[in-house]
Amino acid sequence: MKLNRREFSTLAAAAAAPAKGNKWTAAGLRLGVSHQGPGMLNDAHFAYLKQMGVEYLEVRIPSAQSSYEELVGIKRRVEDAGLKLFEVMLSDKYSAPEFSLGLPGRDQEIALFQRFLKDLGKAGIDTTTYAWYTGGVYQTGATSTRGCQTRLFQLAEARKRPPALDRTYADEEMWANYEYFMKRVLPVAEDAGVRLQLHPNDPPVTHQGVARIFRSRQAFRRAMEISNHSPYSGLLFCTGCWAEMGEDVVAAIREFGSRGHIFQVHYRNISAPLPDFHETFPDNGILNMYRVMKALGEVNFNGMLAPDHVPRCTDSEAGPKAGEAFIFGYIRAMIQAVDTELGRAG
């Protein structure tokens, strides 16, 4: 919908409440949804989300549609529907190979990201996601969980695939590229009042000739040290990725959550840690998801929890949203149980 100049100016002024006075101060477990595109921001979809008890949205847009005006319009559409915008991220640039691999054009891509951060802050949107090289094999096949199609990853099969690029990239080169990026991007984010949340590599293992550096708890410690534990540098904590690593997920939540470094949680489960795993519903994998939620409550996590990589229940009488609807209800139940145990329920 096109706005005239007066309408846009009014909306822009309302949207641009200073992000530095941000809302992420009080403890609270909040249900959200990720992977929302601009085409999903319509009345029918908003009604479905509210029926499911969703409060917050993560919206993904291509960089070509990431102008300040577009950001203000997205924020307005979400809030006019009675929902809240958690973040906007760039679907095509959040892990640009130019800056993650140090390729020609790196500074131009970083400048684009810096501009995006400034516009986010100006629009009153205080969080965005980035990752560190997401190319290559993400899954080696498909399987099922309770009759619903889901992702399968087998490391031996992945390592049979040809190199992803024309040369190899070792750990320290990828770390040098990361430091180069953060040195230039984090000060802009801090000035704009926008939090940068880092997603783990998925799968969190080196393969196809490129080091996947965000594959362990120690790697995230190093990342937070590089940013000097800035309150604007943190984690999108994907419980599935951390389980794939074979890390103690609850211990990691306690470590990073106690320092306020967990901004968002992708609440998912898997069948086993690497080398081989498939994704499951939250109640039929290796993680005890109640213990995960309780740990988040105990460290006063105050961001949003969202389903991620939802199994596809294509043959269900309930329709294509059956899997997601189940997980929404599961997360709400976990939130209510933990709030009750911690004495926060009304």
C-alpha atoms as a PDB file:
ATOM      1  CA  MET A   1       0.000   0.000   0.000  1.00  0.00           C
ATOM      2  CA  LYS A   2       1.440   3.383  -1.050  1.00  0.00           C
ATOM      3  CA  LEU A   3       1.446   6.240   1.462  1.00  0.00           C
ATOM      4  CA  ASN A   4       1.400   9.933   0.718  1.00  0.00           C
ATOM      5  CA  ARG A   5       4.098  12.119   2.214  1.00  0.00           C
ATOM      6  CA  ARG A   6       2.027  13.283   5.189  1.00  0.00           C
ATOM      7  CA  GLU A   7       0.906   9.728   6.059  1.00  0.00           C
ATOM      8  CA  PHE A   8       4.449   8.440   5.836  1.00  0.00           C
ATOM      9  CA  SER A   9       5.856  11.232   8.000  1.00  0.00           C
ATOM     10  CA  THR A  10       3.281  10.516  10.713  1.00  0.00           C
ATOM     11  CA  LEU A  11       4.009   6.787  10.699  1.00  0.00           C
ATOM     12  CA  ALA A  12       7.748   7.306  10.625  1.00  0.00           C
ATOM     13  CA  ALA A  13       7.645   9.583  13.666  1.00  0.00           C
ATOM     14  CA  ALA A  14       5.600   7.022  15.590  1.00  0.00           C
ATOM     15  CA  ALA A  15       7.916   4.178  14.599  1.00  0.00           C
ATOM     16  CA  ALA A  16      11.134   5.892  15.538  1.00  0.00           C
ATOM     17  CA  ALA A  17      11.034   5.680  19.326  1.00  0.00           C
ATOM     18  CA  PRO A  18      14.690   5.507  20.412  1.00  0.00           C
ATOM     19  CA  ALA A  19      15.817   1.895  20.211  1.00  0.00           C
ATOM     20  CA  LYS A  20      18.381   2.432  22.972  1.00  0.00           C
ATOM     21  CA  GLY A  21      15.555   2.685  25.470  1.00  0.00           C
ATOM     22  CA  ASN A  22      14.733  -0.848  24.444  1.00  0.00           C
ATOM     23  CA  LYS A  23      12.032  -3.123  25.757  1.00  0.00           C
ATOM     24  CA  TRP A  24      14.277  -6.081  26.627  1.00  0.00           C
ATOM     25  CA  THR A  25      14.714  -5.298  30.312  1.00  0.00           C
ATOM     26  CA  ALA A  26      12.078  -7.246  32.253  1.00  0.00           C
ATOM     27  CA  ALA A  27      12.110 -11.034  32.488  1.00  0.00           C
ATOM     28  CA  GLY A  28       9.527 -12.774  30.372  1.00  0.00           C
ATOM     29  CA  LEU A  29       9.202 -15.803  28.097  1.00  0.00           C
ATOM     30  CA  ARG A  30       7.391 -14.797  24.916  1.00  0.00           C
ATOM     31  CA  LEU A  31       6.007 -16.885  22.056  1.00  0.00           C
ATOM     32  CA  GLY A  32       7.093 -15.711  18.623  1.00  0.00           C
ATOM     33  CA  VAL A  33       7.325 -16.857  15.041  1.00  0.00           C
ATOM     34  CA  SER A  34      10.293 -16.685  12.676  1.00  0.00           C
ATOM     35  CA  HIS A  35      10.754 -16.946   8.893  1.00  0.00           C
ATOM     36  CA  GLN A  36       7.961 -14.493   8.060  1.00  0.00           C
ATOM     37  CA  GLY A  37       8.143 -12.860   4.625  1.00  0.00           C
ATOM     38  CA  PRO A  38       6.495  -9.610   3.487  1.00  0.00           C
ATOM     39  CA  GLY A  39       3.819 -11.567   1.618  1.00  0.00           C
ATOM     40  CA  MET A  40       2.701 -13.170   4.884  1.00  0.00           C
ATOM     41  CA  LEU A  41       1.869  -9.862   6.544  1.00  0.00           C
ATOM     42  CA  ASN A  42      -1.845  -9.982   5.821  1.00  0.00           C
ATOM     43  CA  ASP A  43      -5.038 -10.085   7.877  1.00  0.00           C
ATOM     44  CA  ALA A  44      -5.672 -13.825   7.479  1.00  0.00           C
ATOM     45  CA  HIS A  45      -2.167 -14.793   8.594  1.00  0.00           C
ATOM     46  CA  PHE A  46      -2.200 -12.323  11.458  1.00  0.00           C
ATOM     47  CA  ALA A  47      -5.503 -13.797  12.650  1.00  0.00           C
ATOM     48  CA  TYR A  48      -3.979 -17.300  12.614  1.00  0.00           C
ATOM     49  CA  LEU A  49      -0.946 -16.161  14.620  1.00  0.00           C
ATOM     50  CA  LYS A  50      -3.082 -14.455  17.250  1.00  0.00           C
ATOM     51  CA  GLN A  51      -5.280 -17.552  17.501  1.00  0.00           C
ATOM     52  CA  MET A  52      -2.116 -19.533  18.250  1.00  0.00           C
ATOM     53  CA  GLY A  53      -1.093 -17.089  21.006  1.00  0.00           C
ATOM     54  CA  VAL A  54       1.864 -15.606  19.109  1.00  0.00           C
ATOM     55  CA  GLU A  55       3.091 -12.230  20.374  1.00  0.00           C
ATOM     56  CA  TYR A  56       6.234 -11.441  18.340  1.00  0.00           C
ATOM     57  CA  LEU A  57       7.295 -11.740  14.699  1.00  0.00           C
ATOM     58  CA  GLU A  58      10.633 -12.074  12.978  1.00  0.00           C
ATOM     59  CA  VAL A  59      10.360 -10.760   9.401  1.00  0.00           C
ATOM     60  CA  ARG A  60      12.855 -11.580   6.639  1.00  0.00           C
ATOM     61  CA  ILE A  61      13.231  -9.319   3.620  1.00  0.00           C
ATOM     62  CA  PRO A  62      15.618  -9.133   0.660  1.00  0.00           C
ATOM     63  CA  SER A  63      18.082  -6.254   0.709  1.00  0.00           C
ATOM     64  CA  ALA A  64      16.389  -4.726  -2.349  1.00  0.00           C
ATOM     65  CA  GLN A  65      13.292  -4.189  -0.175  1.00  0.00           C
ATOM     66  CA  SER A  66      15.099  -2.985   2.954  1.00  0.00           C
ATOM     67  CA  SER A  67      14.732   0.786   2.659  1.00  0.00           C
ATOM     68  CA  TYR A  68      13.800   2.846   5.686  1.00  0.00           C
ATOM     69  CA  GLU A  69      10.343   3.376   4.213  1.00  0.00           C
ATOM     70  CA  GLU A  70       9.842  -0.385   3.837  1.00  0.00           C
ATOM     71  CA  LEU A  71      10.958  -0.985   7.426  1.00  0.00           C
ATOM     72  CA  VAL A  72       8.518   1.594   8.758  1.00  0.00           C
ATOM     73  CA  GLY A  73       5.743  -0.007   6.702  1.00  0.00           C
ATOM     74  CA  ILE A  74       6.501  -3.489   8.047  1.00  0.00           C
ATOM     75  CA  LYS A  75       6.500  -2.248  11.627  1.00  0.00           C
ATOM     76  CA  ARG A  76       3.202  -0.472  11.065  1.00  0.00           C
ATOM     77  CA  ARG A  77       1.499  -3.532   9.500  1.00  0.00           C
ATOM     78  CA  VAL A  78       2.572  -5.795  12.358  1.00  0.00           C
ATOM     79  CA  GLU A  79       1.614  -3.393  15.122  1.00  0.00           C
ATOM     80  CA  ASP A  80      -1.693  -2.408  13.508  1.00  0.00           C
ATOM     81  CA  ALA A  81      -2.587  -6.107  13.691  1.00  0.00           C
ATOM     82  CA  GLY A  82      -2.062  -6.090  17.464  1.00  0.00           C
ATOM     83  CA  LEU A  83       1.270  -7.936  17.292  1.00  0.00           C
ATOM     84  CA  LYS A  84       4.860  -6.884  17.985  1.00  0.00           C
ATOM     85  CA  LEU A  85       7.854  -6.836  15.675  1.00  0.00           C
ATOM     86  CA  PHE A  86      10.842  -8.568  17.256  1.00  0.00           C
ATOM     87  CA  GLU A  87      13.295  -8.161  14.400  1.00  0.00           C
ATOM     88  CA  VAL A  88      13.837  -7.683  10.693  1.00  0.00           C
ATOM     89  CA  MET A  89      16.703  -9.507   9.005  1.00  0.00           C
ATOM     90  CA  LEU A  90      18.106  -9.538   5.482  1.00  0.00           C
ATOM     91  CA  SER A  91      17.215 -12.823   3.805  1.00  0.00           C
ATOM     92  CA  ASP A  92      19.989 -12.515   1.196  1.00  0.00           C
ATOM     93  CA  LYS A  93      22.718 -10.651   3.081  1.00  0.00           C
ATOM     94  CA  TYR A  94      22.667 -11.867   6.692  1.00  0.00           C
ATOM     95  CA  SER A  95      25.554 -14.213   5.865  1.00  0.00           C
ATOM     96  CA  ALA A  96      26.960 -12.664   2.699  1.00  0.00           C
ATOM     97  CA  PRO A  97      29.925 -14.665   1.370  1.00  0.00           C
ATOM     98  CA  GLU A  98      31.718 -11.417   0.554  1.00  0.00           C
ATOM     99  CA  PHE A  99      32.178 -10.620   4.231  1.00  0.00           C
ATOM    100  CA  SER A 100      32.142 -14.140   5.709  1.00  0.00           C
ATOM    101  CA  LEU A 101      34.756 -15.375   3.217  1.00  0.00           C
ATOM    102  CA  GLY A 102      36.560 -12.073   2.674  1.00  0.00           C
ATOM    103  CA  LEU A 103      35.786 -11.959  -1.048  1.00  0.00           C
ATOM    104  CA  PRO A 104      36.044  -8.949  -3.368  1.00  0.00           C
ATOM    105  CA  GLY A 105      33.202  -6.563  -2.635  1.00  0.00           C
ATOM    106  CA  ARG A 106      33.413  -7.164   1.112  1.00  0.00           C
ATOM    107  CA  ASP A 107      33.508  -3.497   2.065  1.00  0.00           C
ATOM    108  CA  GLN A 108      30.533  -2.704  -0.175  1.00  0.00           C
ATOM    109  CA  GLU A 109      28.470  -5.462   1.467  1.00  0.00           C
ATOM    110  CA  ILE A 110      29.497  -4.284   4.920  1.00  0.00           C
ATOM    111  CA  ALA A 111      28.468  -0.735   3.973  1.00  0.00           C
ATOM    112  CA  LEU A 112      25.055  -2.072   2.904  1.00  0.00           C
ATOM    113  CA  PHE A 113      24.710  -3.846   6.257  1.00  0.00           C
ATOM    114  CA  GLN A 114      25.746  -0.694   8.115  1.00  0.00           C
ATOM    115  CA  ARG A 115      23.101   1.315   6.255  1.00  0.00           C
ATOM    116  CA  PHE A 116      20.524  -1.323   7.131  1.00  0.00           C
ATOM    117  CA  LEU A 117      21.432  -1.090  10.830  1.00  0.00           C
ATOM    118  CA  LYS A 118      21.078   2.685  10.803  1.00  0.00           C
ATOM    119  CA  ASP A 119      17.662   2.418   9.156  1.00  0.00           C
ATOM    120  CA  LEU A 120      16.545  -0.229  11.650  1.00  0.00           C
ATOM    121  CA  GLY A 121      17.452   2.017  14.557  1.00  0.00           C
ATOM    122  CA  LYS A 122      15.774   5.016  12.970  1.00  0.00           C
ATOM    123  CA  ALA A 123      12.605   2.937  12.451  1.00  0.00           C
ATOM    124  CA  GLY A 124      12.596   1.748  16.055  1.00  0.00           C
ATOM    125  CA  ILE A 125      13.450  -1.893  15.238  1.00  0.00           C
ATOM    126  CA  ASP A 126      16.106  -3.023  17.681  1.00  0.00           C
ATOM    127  CA  THR A 127      17.257  -6.520  16.664  1.00  0.00           C
ATOM    128  CA  THR A 128      18.602  -8.321  13.589  1.00  0.00           C
ATOM    129  CA  THR A 129      20.272 -11.670  12.846  1.00  0.00           C
ATOM    130  CA  TYR A 130      23.496 -12.567  11.095  1.00  0.00           C
ATOM    131  CA  ALA A 131      25.384 -15.836  10.552  1.00  0.00           C
ATOM    132  CA  TRP A 132      28.827 -16.877   9.348  1.00  0.00           C
ATOM    133  CA  TYR A 133      28.801 -18.728   6.027  1.00  0.00           C
ATOM    134  CA  THR A 134      25.673 -20.790   5.477  1.00  0.00           C
ATOM    135  CA  GLY A 135      26.593 -22.280   2.100  1.00  0.00           C
ATOM    136  CA  GLY A 136      27.099 -25.929   1.219  1.00  0.00           C
ATOM    137  CA  VAL A 137      25.173 -29.025   2.202  1.00  0.00           C
ATOM    138  CA  TYR A 138      22.475 -28.340   4.785  1.00  0.00           C
ATOM    139  CA  GLN A 139      20.822 -31.753   4.574  1.00  0.00           C
ATOM    140  CA  THR A 140      21.674 -35.025   2.880  1.00  0.00           C
ATOM    141  CA  GLY A 141      18.149 -36.344   2.609  1.00  0.00           C
ATOM    142  CA  ALA A 142      14.757 -36.501   4.249  1.00  0.00           C
ATOM    143  CA  THR A 143      13.082 -38.846   6.683  1.00  0.00           C
ATOM    144  CA  SER A 144      10.001 -38.711   8.879  1.00  0.00           C
ATOM    145  CA  THR A 145       9.088 -38.122  12.484  1.00  0.00           C
ATOM    146  CA  ARG A 146       5.622 -39.311  13.536  1.00  0.00           C
ATOM    147  CA  GLY A 147       4.779 -39.551   9.844  1.00  0.00           C
ATOM    148  CA  CYS A 148       5.771 -35.957   9.030  1.00  0.00           C
ATOM    149  CA  GLN A 149       8.625 -35.177   6.658  1.00  0.00           C
ATOM    150  CA  THR A 150      11.746 -33.769   8.235  1.00  0.00           C
ATOM    151  CA  ARG A 151      15.377 -33.011   7.494  1.00  0.00           C
ATOM    152  CA  LEU A 152      18.088 -35.684   7.636  1.00  0.00           C
ATOM    153  CA  PHE A 153      21.822 -35.002   7.897  1.00  0.00           C
ATOM    154  CA  GLN A 154      24.532 -37.674   7.679  1.00  0.00           C
ATOM    155  CA  LEU A 155      28.090 -36.393   7.941  1.00  0.00           C
ATOM    156  CA  ALA A 156      29.689 -39.188   5.916  1.00  0.00           C
ATOM    157  CA  GLU A 157      27.342 -38.392   3.037  1.00  0.00           C
ATOM    158  CA  ALA A 158      28.028 -34.664   3.301  1.00  0.00           C
ATOM    159  CA  ARG A 159      31.764 -35.290   3.130  1.00  0.00           C
ATOM    160  CA  LYS A 160      31.322 -37.129  -0.166  1.00  0.00           C
ATOM    161  CA  ARG A 161      30.117 -33.895  -1.758  1.00  0.00           C
ATOM    162  CA  PRO A 162      32.599 -31.823  -3.774  1.00  0.00           C
ATOM    163  CA  PRO A 163      34.224 -28.719  -2.282  1.00  0.00           C
ATOM    164  CA  ALA A 164      31.833 -25.805  -2.051  1.00  0.00           C
ATOM    165  CA  LEU A 165      34.365 -23.290  -3.388  1.00  0.00           C
ATOM    166  CA  ASP A 166      37.523 -23.107  -5.460  1.00  0.00           C
ATOM    167  CA  ARG A 167      39.782 -23.338  -2.400  1.00  0.00           C
ATOM    168  CA  THR A 168      39.634 -24.216   1.282  1.00  0.00           C
ATOM    169  CA  TYR A 169      39.017 -21.776   4.140  1.00  0.00           C
ATOM    170  CA  ALA A 170      40.604 -22.666   7.476  1.00  0.00           C
ATOM    171  CA  ASP A 171      39.401 -21.705  10.937  1.00  0.00           C
ATOM    172  CA  GLU A 172      41.736 -18.769  11.557  1.00  0.00           C
ATOM    173  CA  GLU A 173      40.993 -17.193   8.194  1.00  0.00           C
ATOM    174  CA  MET A 174      37.275 -17.334   8.971  1.00  0.00           C
ATOM    175  CA  TRP A 175      37.938 -15.839  12.403  1.00  0.00           C
ATOM    176  CA  ALA A 176      39.984 -13.023  10.851  1.00  0.00           C
ATOM    177  CA  ASN A 177      37.090 -12.262   8.510  1.00  0.00           C
ATOM    178  CA  TYR A 178      34.705 -12.270  11.470  1.00  0.00           C
ATOM    179  CA  GLU A 179      36.826  -9.810  13.441  1.00  0.00           C
ATOM    180  CA  TYR A 180      37.111  -7.551  10.375  1.00  0.00           C
ATOM    181  CA  PHE A 181      33.304  -7.538  10.068  1.00  0.00           C
ATOM    182  CA  MET A 182      32.563  -6.963  13.750  1.00  0.00           C
ATOM    183  CA  LYS A 183      35.102  -4.150  14.048  1.00  0.00           C
ATOM    184  CA  ARG A 184      33.162  -2.241  11.398  1.00  0.00           C
ATOM    185  CA  VAL A 185      29.596  -3.300  12.120  1.00  0.00           C
ATOM    186  CA  LEU A 186      29.265  -3.450  15.904  1.00  0.00           C
ATOM    187  CA  PRO A 187      29.999   0.265  16.526  1.00  0.00           C
ATOM    188  CA  VAL A 188      27.292   1.168  14.009  1.00  0.00           C
ATOM    189  CA  ALA A 189      24.857  -1.221  15.709  1.00  0.00           C
ATOM    190  CA  GLU A 190      25.651   0.224  19.134  1.00  0.00           C
ATOM    191  CA  ASP A 191      25.162   3.771  17.888  1.00  0.00           C
ATOM    192  CA  ALA A 192      21.842   2.806  16.240  1.00  0.00           C
ATOM    193  CA  GLY A 193      20.656   0.861  19.295  1.00  0.00           C
ATOM    194  CA  VAL A 194      20.287  -2.367  17.299  1.00  0.00           C
ATOM    195  CA  ARG A 195      21.249  -5.759  18.729  1.00  0.00           C
ATOM    196  CA  LEU A 196      23.177  -8.202  16.545  1.00  0.00           C
ATOM    197  CA  GLN A 197      22.275 -11.849  17.203  1.00  0.00           C
ATOM    198  CA  LEU A 198      24.561 -14.558  15.841  1.00  0.00           C
ATOM    199  CA  HIS A 199      23.097 -17.860  14.621  1.00  0.00           C
ATOM    200  CA  PRO A 200      25.243 -21.034  14.899  1.00  0.00           C
ATOM    201  CA  ASN A 201      26.486 -22.850  11.850  1.00  0.00           C
ATOM    202  CA  ASP A 202      23.997 -25.538  10.877  1.00  0.00           C
ATOM    203  CA  PRO A 203      25.203 -28.228  10.722  1.00  0.00           C
ATOM    204  CA  PRO A 204      27.905 -27.136  13.188  1.00  0.00           C
ATOM    205  CA  VAL A 205      30.767 -29.050  11.586  1.00  0.00           C
ATOM    206  CA  THR A 206      33.419 -28.253   8.982  1.00  0.00           C
ATOM    207  CA  HIS A 207      32.767 -29.857   5.610  1.00  0.00           C
ATOM    208  CA  GLN A 208      33.164 -29.139   1.880  1.00  0.00           C
ATOM    209  CA  GLY A 209      36.377 -27.202   2.480  1.00  0.00           C
ATOM    210  CA  VAL A 210      34.971 -24.324   4.566  1.00  0.00           C
ATOM    211  CA  ALA A 211      35.524 -24.043   8.320  1.00  0.00           C
ATOM    212  CA  ARG A 212      32.220 -23.653  10.134  1.00  0.00           C
ATOM    213  CA  ILE A 213      33.626 -21.760  13.072  1.00  0.00           C
ATOM    214  CA  PHE A 214      30.441 -21.381  15.115  1.00  0.00           C
ATOM    215  CA  ARG A 215      30.261 -25.025  16.086  1.00  0.00           C
ATOM    216  CA  SER A 216      31.056 -25.062  19.827  1.00  0.00           C
ATOM    217  CA  ARG A 217      30.522 -23.264  23.098  1.00  0.00           C
ATOM    218  CA  GLN A 218      34.127 -22.089  23.029  1.00  0.00           C
ATOM    219  CA  ALA A 219      33.540 -20.419  19.655  1.00  0.00           C
ATOM    220  CA  PHE A 220      30.685 -18.337  21.049  1.00  0.00           C
ATOM    221  CA  ARG A 221      32.802 -17.379  24.050  1.00  0.00           C
ATOM    222  CA  ARG A 222      35.419 -16.116  21.598  1.00  0.00           C
ATOM    223  CA  ALA A 223      32.799 -14.175  19.631  1.00  0.00           C
ATOM    224  CA  MET A 224      31.482 -12.445  22.742  1.00  0.00           C
ATOM    225  CA  GLU A 225      35.040 -11.603  23.784  1.00  0.00           C
ATOM    226  CA  ILE A 226      35.691 -10.065  20.350  1.00  0.00           C
ATOM    227  CA  SER A 227      32.690  -7.803  20.943  1.00  0.00           C
ATOM    228  CA  ASN A 228      33.883  -7.074  24.499  1.00  0.00           C
ATOM    229  CA  HIS A 229      30.593  -8.478  25.798  1.00  0.00           C
ATOM    230  CA  SER A 230      28.668  -5.582  24.315  1.00  0.00           C
ATOM    231  CA  PRO A 231      24.941  -5.621  25.188  1.00  0.00           C
ATOM    232  CA  TYR A 232      24.372  -5.193  21.440  1.00  0.00           C
ATOM    233  CA  SER A 233      26.162  -8.446  20.568  1.00  0.00           C
ATOM    234  CA  GLY A 234      24.503 -11.748  21.399  1.00  0.00           C
ATOM    235  CA  LEU A 235      23.111 -15.057  20.264  1.00  0.00           C
ATOM    236  CA  LEU A 236      20.154 -16.402  18.415  1.00  0.00           C
ATOM    237  CA  PHE A 237      20.262 -19.580  20.480  1.00  0.00           C
ATOM    238  CA  CYS A 238      19.068 -22.473  18.312  1.00  0.00           C
ATOM    239  CA  THR A 239      18.563 -25.400  20.682  1.00  0.00           C
ATOM    240  CA  GLY A 240      18.696 -27.835  17.771  1.00  0.00           C
ATOM    241  CA  CYS A 241      22.096 -26.582  16.593  1.00  0.00           C
ATOM    242  CA  TRP A 242      23.490 -26.733  20.127  1.00  0.00           C
ATOM    243  CA  ALA A 243      22.238 -30.299  20.456  1.00  0.00           C
ATOM    244  CA  GLU A 244      23.833 -31.139  17.092  1.00  0.00           C
ATOM    245  CA  MET A 245      27.156 -29.922  18.533  1.00  0.00           C
ATOM    246  CA  GLY A 246      26.846 -32.386  21.388  1.00  0.00           C
ATOM    247  CA  GLU A 247      27.078 -29.518  23.873  1.00  0.00           C
ATOM    248  CA  ASP A 248      25.266 -29.389  27.211  1.00  0.00           C
ATOM    249  CA  VAL A 249      22.416 -27.151  26.086  1.00  0.00           C
ATOM    250  CA  VAL A 250      21.213 -26.243  29.577  1.00  0.00           C
ATOM    251  CA  ALA A 251      24.739 -25.356  30.712  1.00  0.00           C
ATOM    252  CA  ALA A 252      25.215 -23.163  27.632  1.00  0.00           C
ATOM    253  CA  ILE A 253      21.949 -21.354  28.381  1.00  0.00           C
ATOM    254  CA  ARG A 254      23.110 -20.721  31.929  1.00  0.00           C
ATOM    255  CA  GLU A 255      26.476 -19.400  30.752  1.00  0.00           C
ATOM    256  CA  PHE A 256      25.333 -17.057  27.993  1.00  0.00           C
ATOM    257  CA  GLY A 257      21.884 -16.276  29.348  1.00  0.00           C
ATOM    258  CA  SER A 258      23.221 -15.160  32.704  1.00  0.00           C
ATOM    259  CA  ARG A 259      25.217 -12.466  30.866  1.00  0.00           C
ATOM    260  CA  GLY A 260      22.215 -11.343  28.832  1.00  0.00           C
ATOM    261  CA  HIS A 261      23.701 -12.625  25.584  1.00  0.00           C
ATOM    262  CA  ILE A 262      20.716 -14.719  24.440  1.00  0.00           C
ATOM    263  CA  PHE A 263      18.294 -12.543  22.501  1.00  0.00           C
ATOM    264  CA  GLN A 264      16.107 -15.101  20.715  1.00  0.00           C
ATOM    265  CA  VAL A 265      15.601 -18.881  20.873  1.00  0.00           C
ATOM    266  CA  HIS A 266      14.774 -21.287  18.080  1.00  0.00           C
ATOM    267  CA  TYR A 267      13.039 -23.981  20.104  1.00  0.00           C
ATOM    268  CA  ARG A 268      13.586 -27.275  18.278  1.00  0.00           C
ATOM    269  CA  ASN A 269      14.753 -30.815  18.941  1.00  0.00           C
ATOM    270  CA  ILE A 270      16.716 -33.501  17.093  1.00  0.00           C
ATOM    271  CA  SER A 271      17.187 -37.266  17.206  1.00  0.00           C
ATOM    272  CA  ALA A 272      20.923 -37.366  18.075  1.00  0.00           C
ATOM    273  CA  PRO A 273      24.063 -35.220  17.997  1.00  0.00           C
ATOM    274  CA  LEU A 274      26.438 -35.317  15.033  1.00  0.00           C
ATOM    275  CA  PRO A 275      27.533 -37.165  12.994  1.00  0.00           C
ATOM    276  CA  ASP A 276      23.986 -38.176  12.017  1.00  0.00           C
ATOM    277  CA  PHE A 277      20.665 -36.677  13.049  1.00  0.00           C
ATOM    278  CA  HIS A 278      17.183 -35.870  11.898  1.00  0.00           C
ATOM    279  CA  GLU A 279      14.870 -33.194  13.183  1.00  0.00           C
ATOM    280  CA  THR A 280      11.892 -34.031  15.361  1.00  0.00           C
ATOM    281  CA  PHE A 281       8.974 -32.402  17.108  1.00  0.00           C
ATOM    282  CA  PRO A 282      10.078 -30.806  20.404  1.00  0.00           C
ATOM    283  CA  ASP A 283       8.615 -33.643  22.470  1.00  0.00           C
ATOM    284  CA  ASN A 284      10.254 -36.605  20.701  1.00  0.00           C
ATOM    285  CA  GLY A 285      13.960 -35.776  20.437  1.00  0.00           C
ATOM    286  CA  ILE A 286      16.995 -36.071  22.677  1.00  0.00           C
ATOM    287  CA  LEU A 287      16.535 -32.782  24.544  1.00  0.00           C
ATOM    288  CA  ASN A 288      14.309 -32.461  27.569  1.00  0.00           C
ATOM    289  CA  MET A 289      12.613 -29.280  26.383  1.00  0.00           C
ATOM    290  CA  TYR A 290      11.096 -28.523  29.770  1.00  0.00           C
ATOM    291  CA  ARG A 291      14.591 -28.355  31.277  1.00  0.00           C
ATOM    292  CA  VAL A 292      15.613 -26.079  28.407  1.00  0.00           C
ATOM    293  CA  MET A 293      12.667 -23.755  29.079  1.00  0.00           C
ATOM    294  CA  LYS A 294      13.262 -23.808  32.823  1.00  0.00           C
ATOM    295  CA  ALA A 295      16.909 -22.806  32.337  1.00  0.00           C
ATOM    296  CA  LEU A 296      15.774 -19.890  30.169  1.00  0.00           C
ATOM    297  CA  GLY A 297      13.359 -18.809  32.871  1.00  0.00           C
ATOM    298  CA  GLU A 298      15.978 -19.086  35.584  1.00  0.00           C
ATOM    299  CA  VAL A 299      18.423 -16.806  33.725  1.00  0.00           C
ATOM    300  CA  ASN A 300      15.607 -14.292  33.174  1.00  0.00           C
ATOM    301  CA  PHE A 301      15.617 -14.693  29.406  1.00  0.00           C
ATOM    302  CA  ASN A 302      13.388 -11.960  28.020  1.00  0.00           C
ATOM    303  CA  GLY A 303      13.338 -12.502  24.271  1.00  0.00           C
ATOM    304  CA  MET A 304      11.117 -14.592  22.040  1.00  0.00           C
ATOM    305  CA  LEU A 305      10.955 -18.347  21.519  1.00  0.00           C
ATOM    306  CA  ALA A 306       9.920 -19.567  18.086  1.00  0.00           C
ATOM    307  CA  PRO A 307       9.384 -22.867  16.275  1.00  0.00           C
ATOM    308  CA  ASP A 308      12.066 -23.658  13.713  1.00  0.00           C
ATOM    309  CA  HIS A 309      12.381 -26.261  10.934  1.00  0.00           C
ATOM    310  CA  VAL A 310       8.845 -27.487  11.535  1.00  0.00           C
ATOM    311  CA  PRO A 311       8.186 -31.059  10.300  1.00  0.00           C
ATOM    312  CA  ARG A 312       5.901 -31.038   7.249  1.00  0.00           C
ATOM    313  CA  CYS A 313       2.674 -32.888   7.967  1.00  0.00           C
ATOM    314  CA  THR A 314       1.441 -32.849   4.366  1.00  0.00           C
ATOM    315  CA  ASP A 315      -0.971 -35.763   4.766  1.00  0.00           C
ATOM    316  CA  SER A 316      -2.631 -34.439   7.917  1.00  0.00           C
ATOM    317  CA  GLU A 317      -6.361 -33.756   7.974  1.00  0.00           C
ATOM    318  CA  ALA A 318      -5.510 -30.693  10.042  1.00  0.00           C
ATOM    319  CA  GLY A 319      -3.799 -29.119   7.037  1.00  0.00           C
ATOM    320  CA  PRO A 320      -0.297 -27.850   6.269  1.00  0.00           C
ATOM    321  CA  LYS A 321      -0.049 -25.761   9.449  1.00  0.00           C
ATOM    322  CA  ALA A 322      -0.652 -28.755  11.727  1.00  0.00           C
ATOM    323  CA  GLY A 323       2.982 -29.181  12.750  1.00  0.00           C
ATOM    324  CA  GLU A 324       3.530 -25.508  13.460  1.00  0.00           C
ATOM    325  CA  ALA A 325       0.261 -25.233  15.401  1.00  0.00           C
ATOM    326  CA  PHE A 326       1.280 -28.188  17.567  1.00  0.00           C
ATOM    327  CA  ILE A 327       4.630 -26.562  18.362  1.00  0.00           C
ATOM    328  CA  PHE A 328       3.023 -23.213  19.160  1.00  0.00           C
ATOM    329  CA  GLY A 329       0.810 -24.948  21.714  1.00  0.00           C
ATOM    330  CA  TYR A 330       3.755 -26.915  23.094  1.00  0.00           C
ATOM    331  CA  ILE A 331       5.845 -23.769  23.598  1.00  0.00           C
ATOM    332  CA  ARG A 332       2.954 -21.947  25.284  1.00  0.00           C
ATOM    333  CA  ALA A 333       2.479 -24.883  27.641  1.00  0.00           C
ATOM    334  CA  MET A 334       6.185 -24.926  28.509  1.00  0.00           C
ATOM    335  CA  ILE A 335       6.160 -21.173  29.140  1.00  0.00           C
ATOM    336  CA  GLN A 336       3.127 -21.477  31.416  1.00  0.00           C
ATOM    337  CA  ALA A 337       4.644 -24.408  33.322  1.00  0.00           C
ATOM    338  CA  VAL A 338       7.942 -22.598  33.925  1.00  0.00           C
ATOM    339  CA  ASP A 339       6.259 -19.321  34.848  1.00  0.00           C
ATOM    340  CA  THR A 340       4.132 -21.240  37.364  1.00  0.00           C
ATOM    341  CA  GLU A 341       7.138 -23.033  38.870  1.00  0.00           C
ATOM    342  CA  LEU A 342       9.110 -19.797  39.147  1.00  0.00           C
ATOM    343  CA  GLY A 343       6.172 -17.979  40.723  1.00  0.00           C
ATOM    344  CA  ARG A 344       5.518 -15.658  37.771  1.00  0.00           C
ATOM    345  CA  ALA A 345       2.086 -16.935  36.742  1.00  0.00           C
ATOM    346  CA  GLY A 346      -0.957 -14.901  37.683  1.00  0.00           C
END
